[in-house]
C-alpha atoms as a PDB file:
ATOM      1  CA  UNK A   1     116.170  -6.380  35.679  1.00  0.00           C
ATOM      2  CA  UNK A   2     113.629  -7.895  38.088  1.00  0.00           C
ATOM      3  CA  UNK A   3     113.065 -11.659  38.302  1.00  0.00           C
ATOM      4  CA  UNK A   4     110.230 -13.093  36.224  1.00  0.00           C
ATOM      5  CA  UNK A   5     108.061 -14.642  38.952  1.00  0.00           C
ATOM      6  CA  UNK A   6     104.658 -13.689  37.543  1.00  0.00           C
ATOM      7  CA  UNK A   7     103.034 -12.998  34.199  1.00  0.00           C
ATOM      8  CA  UNK A   8     100.316 -10.402  34.566  1.00  0.00           C
ATOM      9  CA  UNK A   9      98.036  -8.842  32.007  1.00  0.00           C
ATOM     10  CA  UNK A  10      94.683  -7.635  30.740  1.00  0.00           C
ATOM     11  CA  UNK A  11      92.347  -8.372  27.862  1.00  0.00           C
ATOM     12  CA  UNK A  12      89.482  -6.660  26.052  1.00  0.00           C
ATOM     13  CA  UNK A  13      86.841  -8.615  24.134  1.00  0.00           C
ATOM     14  CA  UNK A  14      84.438  -7.275  21.521  1.00  0.00           C
ATOM     15  CA  UNK A  15      80.982  -8.308  22.761  1.00  0.00           C
ATOM     16  CA  UNK A  16      78.727  -6.200  20.558  1.00  0.00           C
ATOM     17  CA  UNK A  17      75.332  -7.911  20.178  1.00  0.00           C
ATOM     18  CA  UNK A  18      76.354 -10.905  22.303  1.00  0.00           C
ATOM     19  CA  UNK A  19      75.087 -13.279  24.993  1.00  0.00           C
ATOM     20  CA  UNK A  20      78.156 -15.014  26.404  1.00  0.00           C
ATOM     21  CA  UNK A  21      77.137 -16.126  29.902  1.00  0.00           C
ATOM     22  CA  UNK A  22      73.580 -16.887  30.909  1.00  0.00           C
ATOM     23  CA  UNK A  23      71.904 -16.281  34.263  1.00  0.00           C
ATOM     24  CA  UNK A  24      68.846 -18.462  33.570  1.00  0.00           C
ATOM     25  CA  UNK A  25      65.288 -17.130  33.642  1.00  0.00           C
ATOM     26  CA  UNK A  26      64.288 -13.773  35.038  1.00  0.00           C
ATOM     27  CA  UNK A  27      62.983 -14.042  38.622  1.00  0.00           C
ATOM     28  CA  UNK A  28      59.413 -12.855  38.938  1.00  0.00           C
ATOM     29  CA  UNK A  29      59.242 -12.172  35.226  1.00  0.00           C
ATOM     30  CA  UNK A  30      57.905 -13.900  32.183  1.00  0.00           C
ATOM     31  CA  UNK A  31      59.429 -17.381  32.332  1.00  0.00           C
ATOM     32  CA  UNK A  32      59.938 -17.291  28.594  1.00  0.00           C
ATOM     33  CA  UNK A  33      62.660 -14.635  29.017  1.00  0.00           C
ATOM     34  CA  UNK A  34      66.298 -15.756  29.153  1.00  0.00           C
ATOM     35  CA  UNK A  35      68.725 -13.290  30.709  1.00  0.00           C
ATOM     36  CA  UNK A  36      72.527 -12.867  30.701  1.00  0.00           C
ATOM     37  CA  UNK A  37      74.658 -12.205  33.766  1.00  0.00           C
ATOM     38  CA  UNK A  38      74.621  -8.560  34.853  1.00  0.00           C
ATOM     39  CA  UNK A  39      75.280  -6.588  38.016  1.00  0.00           C
ATOM     40  CA  UNK A  40      74.350  -3.084  39.127  1.00  0.00           C
ATOM     41  CA  UNK A  41      76.903  -0.290  39.297  1.00  0.00           C
ATOM     42  CA  UNK A  42      76.373   3.327  40.292  1.00  0.00           C
ATOM     43  CA  UNK A  43      77.249   5.715  37.453  1.00  0.00           C
ATOM     44  CA  UNK A  44      76.492   9.452  37.760  1.00  0.00           C
ATOM     45  CA  UNK A  45      74.262   8.752  40.770  1.00  0.00           C
ATOM     46  CA  UNK A  46      72.124   6.197  38.989  1.00  0.00           C
ATOM     47  CA  UNK A  47      72.217   2.404  39.014  1.00  0.00           C
ATOM     48  CA  UNK A  48      73.337   0.997  35.683  1.00  0.00           C
ATOM     49  CA  UNK A  49      73.055  -2.585  34.480  1.00  0.00           C
ATOM     50  CA  UNK A  50      76.541  -3.934  33.692  1.00  0.00           C
ATOM     51  CA  UNK A  51      76.936  -7.075  31.544  1.00  0.00           C
ATOM     52  CA  UNK A  52      79.639  -9.478  32.706  1.00  0.00           C
ATOM     53  CA  UNK A  53      81.047 -12.954  32.212  1.00  0.00           C
ATOM     54  CA  UNK A  54      81.882 -14.872  35.378  1.00  0.00           C
ATOM     55  CA  UNK A  55      85.467 -15.895  36.044  1.00  0.00           C
ATOM     56  CA  UNK A  56      84.322 -19.522  36.151  1.00  0.00           C
ATOM     57  CA  UNK A  57      82.831 -19.250  32.654  1.00  0.00           C
ATOM     58  CA  UNK A  58      85.718 -17.632  30.820  1.00  0.00           C
ATOM     59  CA  UNK A  59      88.274 -19.743  32.669  1.00  0.00           C
ATOM     60  CA  UNK A  60      86.450 -22.781  31.247  1.00  0.00           C
ATOM     61  CA  UNK A  61      86.720 -21.269  27.759  1.00  0.00           C
ATOM     62  CA  UNK A  62      90.432 -20.777  28.384  1.00  0.00           C
ATOM     63  CA  UNK A  63      90.999 -24.280  29.762  1.00  0.00           C
ATOM     64  CA  UNK A  64      89.321 -25.837  26.729  1.00  0.00           C
ATOM     65  CA  UNK A  65      91.058 -23.558  24.217  1.00  0.00           C
ATOM     66  CA  UNK A  66      94.467 -24.089  25.821  1.00  0.00           C
ATOM     67  CA  UNK A  67      94.078 -27.870  25.775  1.00  0.00           C
ATOM     68  CA  UNK A  68      92.986 -27.798  22.125  1.00  0.00           C
ATOM     69  CA  UNK A  69      95.671 -25.375  20.907  1.00  0.00           C
ATOM     70  CA  UNK A  70      98.477 -27.343  22.572  1.00  0.00           C
ATOM     71  CA  UNK A  71      97.055 -30.846  21.994  1.00  0.00           C
ATOM     72  CA  UNK A  72      97.059 -31.442  25.753  1.00  0.00           C
ATOM     73  CA  UNK A  73      94.958 -34.181  27.317  1.00  0.00           C
ATOM     74  CA  UNK A  74      92.229 -32.453  29.363  1.00  0.00           C
ATOM     75  CA  UNK A  75      91.991 -33.080  33.088  1.00  0.00           C
ATOM     76  CA  UNK A  76      88.354 -34.196  33.031  1.00  0.00           C
ATOM     77  CA  UNK A  77      86.008 -33.063  35.793  1.00  0.00           C
ATOM     78  CA  UNK A  78      84.073 -36.083  37.064  1.00  0.00           C
ATOM     79  CA  UNK A  79      82.036 -37.357  40.006  1.00  0.00           C
ATOM     80  CA  UNK A  80      84.132 -39.066  42.689  1.00  0.00           C
ATOM     81  CA  UNK A  81      83.608 -40.904  45.942  1.00  0.00           C
ATOM     82  CA  UNK A  82      80.749 -42.989  47.239  1.00  0.00           C
ATOM     83  CA  UNK A  83      77.808 -43.092  44.830  1.00  0.00           C
ATOM     84  CA  UNK A  84      79.798 -41.781  41.855  1.00  0.00           C
ATOM     85  CA  UNK A  85      79.082 -44.955  39.888  1.00  0.00           C
ATOM     86  CA  UNK A  86      75.356 -44.210  40.258  1.00  0.00           C
ATOM     87  CA  UNK A  87      75.627 -40.506  39.577  1.00  0.00           C
ATOM     88  CA  UNK A  88      74.446 -39.564  43.073  1.00  0.00           C
ATOM     89  CA  UNK A  89      77.683 -38.215  44.523  1.00  0.00           C
ATOM     90  CA  UNK A  90      78.005 -34.556  45.565  1.00  0.00           C
ATOM     91  CA  UNK A  91      81.794 -34.556  45.116  1.00  0.00           C
ATOM     92  CA  UNK A  92      83.665 -33.773  41.925  1.00  0.00           C
ATOM     93  CA  UNK A  93      87.328 -33.498  40.991  1.00  0.00           C
ATOM     94  CA  UNK A  94      89.676 -33.374  38.040  1.00  0.00           C
ATOM     95  CA  UNK A  95      92.582 -35.805  37.597  1.00  0.00           C
ATOM     96  CA  UNK A  96      94.408 -34.090  40.516  1.00  0.00           C
ATOM     97  CA  UNK A  97      97.593 -34.740  38.564  1.00  0.00           C
ATOM     98  CA  UNK A  98      99.762 -31.705  37.663  1.00  0.00           C
ATOM     99  CA  UNK A  99     102.610 -33.983  36.555  1.00  0.00           C
ATOM    100  CA  UNK A 100     100.806 -35.421  33.526  1.00  0.00           C
ATOM    101  CA  UNK A 101      98.119 -32.758  33.013  1.00  0.00           C
ATOM    102  CA  UNK A 102      99.298 -29.150  32.424  1.00  0.00           C
ATOM    103  CA  UNK A 103      95.729 -27.973  33.050  1.00  0.00           C
ATOM    104  CA  UNK A 104      95.982 -29.102  36.693  1.00  0.00           C
ATOM    105  CA  UNK A 105      99.346 -27.380  37.096  1.00  0.00           C
ATOM    106  CA  UNK A 106      97.937 -24.075  35.784  1.00  0.00           C
ATOM    107  CA  UNK A 107      94.386 -24.001  37.140  1.00  0.00           C
ATOM    108  CA  UNK A 108      94.652 -26.019  40.360  1.00  0.00           C
ATOM    109  CA  UNK A 109      92.196 -28.526  41.830  1.00  0.00           C
ATOM    110  CA  UNK A 110      90.540 -29.693  45.033  1.00  0.00           C
ATOM    111  CA  UNK A 111      89.280 -32.923  46.542  1.00  0.00           C
ATOM    112  CA  UNK A 112      87.750 -32.961  50.005  1.00  0.00           C
ATOM    113  CA  UNK A 113      88.666 -36.154  51.826  1.00  0.00           C
ATOM    114  CA  UNK A 114      86.247 -38.164  53.929  1.00  0.00           C
ATOM    115  CA  UNK A 115      86.863 -40.688  56.712  1.00  0.00           C
ATOM    116  CA  UNK A 116      90.412 -41.929  56.156  1.00  0.00           C
ATOM    117  CA  UNK A 117      90.869 -40.213  52.771  1.00  0.00           C
ATOM    118  CA  UNK A 118      93.377 -37.411  52.372  1.00  0.00           C
ATOM    119  CA  UNK A 119      92.256 -33.983  51.196  1.00  0.00           C
ATOM    120  CA  UNK A 120      94.095 -32.626  48.169  1.00  0.00           C
ATOM    121  CA  UNK A 121      94.085 -28.973  47.164  1.00  0.00           C
ATOM    122  CA  UNK A 122      96.159 -26.810  44.826  1.00  0.00           C
ATOM    123  CA  UNK A 123      95.175 -23.160  44.712  1.00  0.00           C
ATOM    124  CA  UNK A 124      95.126 -22.011  41.115  1.00  0.00           C
ATOM    125  CA  UNK A 125      98.376 -20.288  40.045  1.00  0.00           C
ATOM    126  CA  UNK A 126      96.275 -18.512  37.394  1.00  0.00           C
ATOM    127  CA  UNK A 127      94.190 -15.757  39.013  1.00  0.00           C
ATOM    128  CA  UNK A 128      91.510 -13.832  37.107  1.00  0.00           C
ATOM    129  CA  UNK A 129      88.858 -11.157  37.403  1.00  0.00           C
ATOM    130  CA  UNK A 130      85.423 -11.344  35.854  1.00  0.00           C
ATOM    131  CA  UNK A 131      84.998  -9.846  32.374  1.00  0.00           C
ATOM    132  CA  UNK A 132      82.867  -6.710  32.695  1.00  0.00           C
ATOM    133  CA  UNK A 133      81.507  -4.148  30.278  1.00  0.00           C
ATOM    134  CA  UNK A 134      83.474  -0.897  30.190  1.00  0.00           C
ATOM    135  CA  UNK A 135      81.768   2.344  31.187  1.00  0.00           C
ATOM    136  CA  UNK A 136      79.870   4.400  28.619  1.00  0.00           C
ATOM    137  CA  UNK A 137      79.860   1.494  26.168  1.00  0.00           C
ATOM    138  CA  UNK A 138      77.287  -0.963  27.503  1.00  0.00           C
ATOM    139  CA  UNK A 139      73.647  -1.427  26.611  1.00  0.00           C
ATOM    140  CA  UNK A 140      71.228  -4.276  27.309  1.00  0.00           C
ATOM    141  CA  UNK A 141      68.551  -5.095  24.725  1.00  0.00           C
ATOM    142  CA  UNK A 142      65.703  -7.564  24.158  1.00  0.00           C
ATOM    143  CA  UNK A 143      65.339  -9.951  21.243  1.00  0.00           C
ATOM    144  CA  UNK A 144      61.659 -10.839  20.825  1.00  0.00           C
ATOM    145  CA  UNK A 145      61.013 -14.013  18.842  1.00  0.00           C
ATOM    146  CA  UNK A 146      58.483 -16.790  18.226  1.00  0.00           C
ATOM    147  CA  UNK A 147      58.566 -20.554  17.922  1.00  0.00           C
ATOM    148  CA  UNK A 148      56.264 -21.417  15.025  1.00  0.00           C
ATOM    149  CA  UNK A 149      54.396 -24.662  15.500  1.00  0.00           C
ATOM    150  CA  UNK A 150      53.026 -26.853  12.754  1.00  0.00           C
ATOM    151  CA  UNK A 151      49.596 -26.278  14.261  1.00  0.00           C
ATOM    152  CA  UNK A 152      48.369 -23.725  16.775  1.00  0.00           C
ATOM    153  CA  UNK A 153      49.467 -20.284  17.887  1.00  0.00           C
ATOM    154  CA  UNK A 154      53.198 -19.403  17.713  1.00  0.00           C
ATOM    155  CA  UNK A 155      54.863 -19.354  21.135  1.00  0.00           C
ATOM    156  CA  UNK A 156      56.677 -16.114  22.046  1.00  0.00           C
ATOM    157  CA  UNK A 157      59.987 -16.023  23.870  1.00  0.00           C
ATOM    158  CA  UNK A 158      62.445 -13.291  24.710  1.00  0.00           C
ATOM    159  CA  UNK A 159      66.216 -13.122  25.144  1.00  0.00           C
ATOM    160  CA  UNK A 160      68.119 -10.243  26.711  1.00  0.00           C
ATOM    161  CA  UNK A 161      71.492  -9.590  25.095  1.00  0.00           C
ATOM    162  CA  UNK A 162      74.061  -6.829  25.294  1.00  0.00           C
ATOM    163  CA  UNK A 163      76.450  -4.665  23.309  1.00  0.00           C
ATOM    164  CA  UNK A 164      79.655  -3.834  25.130  1.00  0.00           C
ATOM    165  CA  UNK A 165      83.389  -4.404  25.322  1.00  0.00           C
ATOM    166  CA  UNK A 166      84.369  -6.779  28.128  1.00  0.00           C
ATOM    167  CA  UNK A 167      87.565  -6.106  30.057  1.00  0.00           C
ATOM    168  CA  UNK A 168      89.339  -8.339  32.532  1.00  0.00           C
ATOM    169  CA  UNK A 169      92.731  -8.850  34.123  1.00  0.00           C
ATOM    170  CA  UNK A 170      94.808 -11.818  35.245  1.00  0.00           C
ATOM    171  CA  UNK A 171      97.992 -12.911  36.953  1.00  0.00           C
ATOM    172  CA  UNK A 172      99.848 -16.192  36.505  1.00  0.00           C
ATOM    173  CA  UNK A 173     102.063 -17.151  39.451  1.00  0.00           C
ATOM    174  CA  UNK A 174     104.730 -18.413  37.109  1.00  0.00           C
ATOM    175  CA  UNK A 175     107.149 -19.384  39.890  1.00  0.00           C
ATOM    176  CA  UNK A 176     104.679 -21.953  41.246  1.00  0.00           C
ATOM    177  CA  UNK A 177     104.423 -24.000  38.070  1.00  0.00           C
ATOM    178  CA  UNK A 178     106.059 -27.395  38.526  1.00  0.00           C
ATOM    179  CA  UNK A 179     106.359 -26.824  42.300  1.00  0.00           C
ATOM    180  CA  UNK A 180     104.001 -28.491  44.788  1.00  0.00           C
ATOM    181  CA  UNK A 181     103.832 -28.005  48.554  1.00  0.00           C
ATOM    182  CA  UNK A 182     102.506 -30.488  51.079  1.00  0.00           C
ATOM    183  CA  UNK A 183     102.052 -28.742  54.413  1.00  0.00           C
ATOM    184  CA  UNK A 184     100.082 -30.473  57.153  1.00  0.00           C
ATOM    185  CA  UNK A 185      96.485 -30.860  55.988  1.00  0.00           C
ATOM    186  CA  UNK A 186      97.189 -28.812  52.840  1.00  0.00           C
ATOM    187  CA  UNK A 187      98.387 -31.414  50.356  1.00  0.00           C
ATOM    188  CA  UNK A 188      99.005 -30.381  46.752  1.00  0.00           C
ATOM    189  CA  UNK A 189     100.151 -33.850  45.714  1.00  0.00           C
ATOM    190  CA  UNK A 190      98.366 -37.034  46.755  1.00  0.00           C
ATOM    191  CA  UNK A 191     100.434 -39.871  48.225  1.00  0.00           C
ATOM    192  CA  UNK A 192      99.587 -42.249  45.359  1.00  0.00           C
ATOM    193  CA  UNK A 193     100.758 -39.702  42.788  1.00  0.00           C
ATOM    194  CA  UNK A 194     104.014 -39.123  44.691  1.00  0.00           C
ATOM    195  CA  UNK A 195     104.762 -42.850  44.652  1.00  0.00           C
ATOM    196  CA  UNK A 196     103.804 -43.250  40.981  1.00  0.00           C
ATOM    197  CA  UNK A 197     106.011 -40.328  39.877  1.00  0.00           C
ATOM    198  CA  UNK A 198     108.873 -40.591  42.364  1.00  0.00           C
ATOM    199  CA  UNK A 199     111.371 -40.701  39.485  1.00  0.00           C
ATOM    200  CA  UNK A 200     110.158 -37.300  38.197  1.00  0.00           C
ATOM    201  CA  UNK A 201     110.163 -35.393  41.509  1.00  0.00           C
ATOM    202  CA  UNK A 202     112.763 -33.766  43.752  1.00  0.00           C
ATOM    203  CA  UNK A 203     111.638 -33.888  47.373  1.00  0.00           C
ATOM    204  CA  UNK A 204     112.791 -31.280  49.898  1.00  0.00           C
ATOM    205  CA  UNK A 205     111.855 -31.140  53.581  1.00  0.00           C
ATOM    206  CA  UNK A 206     111.427 -27.533  54.688  1.00  0.00           C
ATOM    207  CA  UNK A 207     110.815 -28.226  58.354  1.00  0.00           C
ATOM    208  CA  UNK A 208     108.162 -29.999  60.368  1.00  0.00           C
ATOM    209  CA  UNK A 209     105.420 -31.375  58.153  1.00  0.00           C
ATOM    210  CA  UNK A 210     106.331 -29.082  55.253  1.00  0.00           C
ATOM    211  CA  UNK A 211     107.569 -30.990  52.206  1.00  0.00           C
ATOM    212  CA  UNK A 212     108.127 -29.463  48.779  1.00  0.00           C
ATOM    213  CA  UNK A 213     108.084 -31.464  45.557  1.00  0.00           C
ATOM    214  CA  UNK A 214     109.541 -30.023  42.369  1.00  0.00           C
ATOM    215  CA  UNK A 215     109.612 -31.569  38.926  1.00  0.00           C
ATOM    216  CA  UNK A 216     113.129 -32.480  37.845  1.00  0.00           C
ATOM    217  CA  UNK A 217     112.422 -30.709  34.564  1.00  0.00           C
ATOM    218  CA  UNK A 218     110.568 -27.865  36.328  1.00  0.00           C
ATOM    219  CA  UNK A 219     112.108 -25.033  34.307  1.00  0.00           C
ATOM    220  CA  UNK A 220     111.258 -26.649  30.987  1.00  0.00           C
ATOM    221  CA  UNK A 221     107.770 -27.634  32.188  1.00  0.00           C
ATOM    222  CA  UNK A 222     107.150 -24.152  33.611  1.00  0.00           C
ATOM    223  CA  UNK A 223     108.014 -22.447  30.340  1.00  0.00           C
ATOM    224  CA  UNK A 224     106.003 -24.922  28.264  1.00  0.00           C
ATOM    225  CA  UNK A 225     102.860 -24.612  30.391  1.00  0.00           C
ATOM    226  CA  UNK A 226     103.010 -20.821  30.636  1.00  0.00           C
ATOM    227  CA  UNK A 227     103.583 -20.508  26.884  1.00  0.00           C
ATOM    228  CA  UNK A 228     100.654 -22.851  26.267  1.00  0.00           C
ATOM    229  CA  UNK A 229      98.393 -20.748  28.472  1.00  0.00           C
ATOM    230  CA  UNK A 230      99.309 -17.527  26.650  1.00  0.00           C
ATOM    231  CA  UNK A 231      98.618 -19.241  23.341  1.00  0.00           C
ATOM    232  CA  UNK A 232      95.195 -20.224  24.681  1.00  0.00           C
ATOM    233  CA  UNK A 233      94.547 -16.590  25.643  1.00  0.00           C
ATOM    234  CA  UNK A 234      95.477 -15.333  22.184  1.00  0.00           C
ATOM    235  CA  UNK A 235      93.121 -17.792  20.464  1.00  0.00           C
ATOM    236  CA  UNK A 236      90.398 -17.763  23.154  1.00  0.00           C
ATOM    237  CA  UNK A 237      87.029 -19.125  22.042  1.00  0.00           C
ATOM    238  CA  UNK A 238      83.791 -20.123  23.732  1.00  0.00           C
ATOM    239  CA  UNK A 239      80.635 -18.539  25.096  1.00  0.00           C
ATOM    240  CA  UNK A 240      76.932 -19.277  25.393  1.00  0.00           C
ATOM    241  CA  UNK A 241      74.296 -18.934  22.645  1.00  0.00           C
ATOM    242  CA  UNK A 242      76.831 -18.776  19.833  1.00  0.00           C
ATOM    243  CA  UNK A 243      74.264 -20.102  17.339  1.00  0.00           C
ATOM    244  CA  UNK A 244      71.994 -17.077  17.855  1.00  0.00           C
ATOM    245  CA  UNK A 245      74.410 -14.398  19.135  1.00  0.00           C
ATOM    246  CA  UNK A 246      77.737 -15.430  17.657  1.00  0.00           C
ATOM    247  CA  UNK A 247      80.775 -13.556  18.957  1.00  0.00           C
ATOM    248  CA  UNK A 248      84.521 -13.836  18.471  1.00  0.00           C
ATOM    249  CA  UNK A 249      85.865 -13.794  22.033  1.00  0.00           C
ATOM    250  CA  UNK A 250      89.540 -13.864  21.049  1.00  0.00           C
ATOM    251  CA  UNK A 251      90.953 -10.709  22.681  1.00  0.00           C
ATOM    252  CA  UNK A 252      91.065  -7.623  20.484  1.00  0.00           C
ATOM    253  CA  UNK A 253      93.484  -6.176  23.029  1.00  0.00           C
ATOM    254  CA  UNK A 254      95.890  -8.329  25.046  1.00  0.00           C
ATOM    255  CA  UNK A 255      98.433  -6.817  27.432  1.00  0.00           C
ATOM    256  CA  UNK A 256     101.095  -8.981  29.115  1.00  0.00           C
ATOM    257  CA  UNK A 257     104.229  -8.369  31.154  1.00  0.00           C
ATOM    258  CA  UNK A 258     106.563 -10.355  33.360  1.00  0.00           C
ATOM    259  CA  UNK A 259     106.807  -9.142  36.951  1.00  0.00           C
ATOM    260  CA  UNK A 260     108.690  -9.964  40.107  1.00  0.00           C
ATOM    261  CA  UNK A 261     105.680  -9.244  42.310  1.00  0.00           C
ATOM    262  CA  UNK A 262     102.168 -10.670  41.998  1.00  0.00           C
ATOM    263  CA  UNK A 263     100.395  -7.338  41.484  1.00  0.00           C
ATOM    264  CA  UNK A 264      97.647  -7.549  38.823  1.00  0.00           C
ATOM    265  CA  UNK A 265      98.285  -3.936  37.871  1.00  0.00           C
ATOM    266  CA  UNK A 266      96.620  -3.830  34.454  1.00  0.00           C
ATOM    267  CA  UNK A 267      93.023  -3.185  35.496  1.00  0.00           C
ATOM    268  CA  UNK A 268      90.535  -0.470  34.475  1.00  0.00           C
ATOM    269  CA  UNK A 269      92.768   0.457  31.534  1.00  0.00           C
ATOM    270  CA  UNK A 270      90.045   1.084  28.964  1.00  0.00           C
ATOM    271  CA  UNK A 271      87.953   4.175  28.307  1.00  0.00           C
ATOM    272  CA  UNK A 272      84.630   4.308  26.486  1.00  0.00           C
ATOM    273  CA  UNK A 273      84.103   7.907  25.389  1.00  0.00           C
ATOM    274  CA  UNK A 274      84.210   7.750  21.595  1.00  0.00           C
ATOM    275  CA  UNK A 275      82.813   5.478  18.911  1.00  0.00           C
ATOM    276  CA  UNK A 276      85.508   2.918  19.767  1.00  0.00           C
ATOM    277  CA  UNK A 277      87.100   1.979  23.086  1.00  0.00           C
ATOM    278  CA  UNK A 278      90.428   3.615  23.928  1.00  0.00           C
ATOM    279  CA  UNK A 279      93.446   2.533  25.943  1.00  0.00           C
ATOM    280  CA  UNK A 280      94.273   4.810  28.879  1.00  0.00           C
ATOM    281  CA  UNK A 281      97.842   5.588  27.765  1.00  0.00           C
ATOM    282  CA  UNK A 282      98.456   8.019  30.624  1.00  0.00           C
ATOM    283  CA  UNK A 283      97.582   5.377  33.231  1.00  0.00           C
ATOM    284  CA  UNK A 284      99.594   2.655  31.500  1.00  0.00           C
ATOM    285  CA  UNK A 285     102.631   4.933  31.267  1.00  0.00           C
ATOM    286  CA  UNK A 286     102.296   5.770  34.945  1.00  0.00           C
ATOM    287  CA  UNK A 287     102.137   2.058  35.824  1.00  0.00           C
ATOM    288  CA  UNK A 288     105.286   1.385  33.797  1.00  0.00           C
ATOM    289  CA  UNK A 289     107.079   4.126  35.741  1.00  0.00           C
ATOM    290  CA  UNK A 290     105.751   3.196  39.201  1.00  0.00           C
ATOM    291  CA  UNK A 291     106.498  -0.518  38.782  1.00  0.00           C
ATOM    292  CA  UNK A 292     109.787  -0.113  36.913  1.00  0.00           C
ATOM    293  CA  UNK A 293     111.691  -1.997  39.627  1.00  0.00           C
ATOM    294  CA  UNK A 294     109.149  -4.832  39.590  1.00  0.00           C
ATOM    295  CA  UNK A 295     108.801  -5.297  35.827  1.00  0.00           C
ATOM    296  CA  UNK A 296     110.906  -8.186  34.516  1.00  0.00           C
ATOM    297  CA  UNK A 297     110.029  -7.508  30.858  1.00  0.00           C
ATOM    298  CA  UNK A 298     108.731  -4.657  28.715  1.00  0.00           C
ATOM    299  CA  UNK A 299     104.949  -4.283  28.605  1.00  0.00           C
ATOM    300  CA  UNK A 300     103.620  -6.059  25.518  1.00  0.00           C
ATOM    301  CA  UNK A 301     100.495  -4.479  24.008  1.00  0.00           C
ATOM    302  CA  UNK A 302      98.633  -6.529  21.411  1.00  0.00           C
ATOM    303  CA  UNK A 303      95.870  -4.672  19.555  1.00  0.00           C
ATOM    304  CA  UNK A 304      93.734  -5.734  16.611  1.00  0.00           C
ATOM    305  CA  UNK A 305      94.142  -3.155  13.845  1.00  0.00           C
ATOM    306  CA  UNK A 306      91.312  -0.607  13.717  1.00  0.00           C
ATOM    307  CA  UNK A 307      89.793  -1.630  17.045  1.00  0.00           C
ATOM    308  CA  UNK A 308      90.932   1.119  19.420  1.00  0.00           C
ATOM    309  CA  UNK A 309      90.138   4.819  19.140  1.00  0.00           C
ATOM    310  CA  UNK A 310      93.722   5.922  19.908  1.00  0.00           C
ATOM    311  CA  UNK A 311      95.655   3.269  17.985  1.00  0.00           C
ATOM    312  CA  UNK A 312      97.982   5.843  16.372  1.00  0.00           C
ATOM    313  CA  UNK A 313      99.091   7.198  19.767  1.00  0.00           C
ATOM    314  CA  UNK A 314      99.669   3.652  21.054  1.00  0.00           C
ATOM    315  CA  UNK A 315     101.947   2.835  18.125  1.00  0.00           C
ATOM    316  CA  UNK A 316     104.260   5.692  19.144  1.00  0.00           C
ATOM    317  CA  UNK A 317     104.647   4.715  22.827  1.00  0.00           C
ATOM    318  CA  UNK A 318     108.197   4.491  24.203  1.00  0.00           C
ATOM    319  CA  UNK A 319     110.826   1.785  24.625  1.00  0.00           C
ATOM    320  CA  UNK A 320     109.141   0.337  27.725  1.00  0.00           C
ATOM    321  CA  UNK A 321     106.425  -1.052  25.427  1.00  0.00           C
ATOM    322  CA  UNK A 322     106.320  -3.599  22.610  1.00  0.00           C
ATOM    323  CA  UNK A 323     103.401  -3.148  20.187  1.00  0.00           C
ATOM    324  CA  UNK A 324     101.889  -5.705  17.802  1.00  0.00           C
ATOM    325  CA  UNK A 325      98.754  -7.759  17.252  1.00  0.00           C
ATOM    326  CA  UNK A 326      97.531  -9.957  20.143  1.00  0.00           C
ATOM    327  CA  UNK A 327      98.946 -13.099  18.521  1.00  0.00           C
ATOM    328  CA  UNK A 328     102.196 -11.359  17.576  1.00  0.00           C
ATOM    329  CA  UNK A 329     102.941 -10.166  21.109  1.00  0.00           C
ATOM    330  CA  UNK A 330     102.242 -13.612  22.564  1.00  0.00           C
ATOM    331  CA  UNK A 331     104.628 -15.143  20.036  1.00  0.00           C
ATOM    332  CA  UNK A 332     107.287 -12.517  20.777  1.00  0.00           C
ATOM    333  CA  UNK A 333     106.946 -12.825  24.545  1.00  0.00           C
ATOM    334  CA  UNK A 334     107.073 -16.620  24.327  1.00  0.00           C
ATOM    335  CA  UNK A 335     110.105 -16.615  22.030  1.00  0.00           C
ATOM    336  CA  UNK A 336     112.076 -14.292  24.294  1.00  0.00           C
ATOM    337  CA  UNK A 337     111.122 -15.489  27.773  1.00  0.00           C
ATOM    338  CA  UNK A 338     109.430 -18.892  27.552  1.00  0.00           C
ATOM    339  CA  UNK A 339     111.320 -20.732  24.837  1.00  0.00           C
ATOM    340  CA  UNK A 340     112.203 -24.254  25.937  1.00  0.00           C
ATOM    341  CA  UNK A 341     113.845 -27.329  24.518  1.00  0.00           C
END
């Protein structure tokens, strides 16, 4: 069996009659119209408007949900540097502390140094796509409404919203959790943090200016943080305009697998040809075969009952797959591969 270095996966969110990520006001249009994020894609030789949620937006949902579900202290994003006490700074950073804040270990951070300050940067071990509407199941609509004043003429306003199913994929570089590299100008751990947590770190010099720091309890910490992230994915919540266009963004389909390589292979897995979305079983089976030597676990497929068009066929897939609800497969995966303590 391959080594579990990465946890890769995909998710599908039910976004029928939703507005989850705003793009502000329409340029050159009526300034009373609020629009969601969309991009143009060519389908059958015509440009089609595709609703999407930015990676930044849904990662924020996930950070908040993960902190809440695991009772973790959030690594707060705040103004730093000269002028921060007056709110005039143009620099921001989180706690920059992956030892005490799992969020920083999972999602990374950056602080640009100035003058004699050191620059600190940890590329996010958790990589994601945007969430985009699947083909043949995406429409954009207008909600026309009025604000009724106590006196005078009601004021009209308009909101564009969409009906679609949003798919995305991700990869967690599991092997990097609890491990921090300082190489020349690329410093993942600041000098003050190294001194403050010297008793928790193993320091290894890998040649020249390359020093690696690893938590003494790295294996336990790695499993705990990865399990916490998957729990956050299973219970994902967030999104804009929930008061007017409420949507449950917890994944209706969640696919996860452990891999040796960092290939985010579970992309474009969903088909929109019937009344409900369908999972491309042929493609998923092909991926399981092609990446057999790289897969460190079976492929776990979590589906909400009644959501997919071909649910019956999915339930009868072979031994390379584990089928359950999204929350069930996260619990099973965590119990088998990420149990700690």
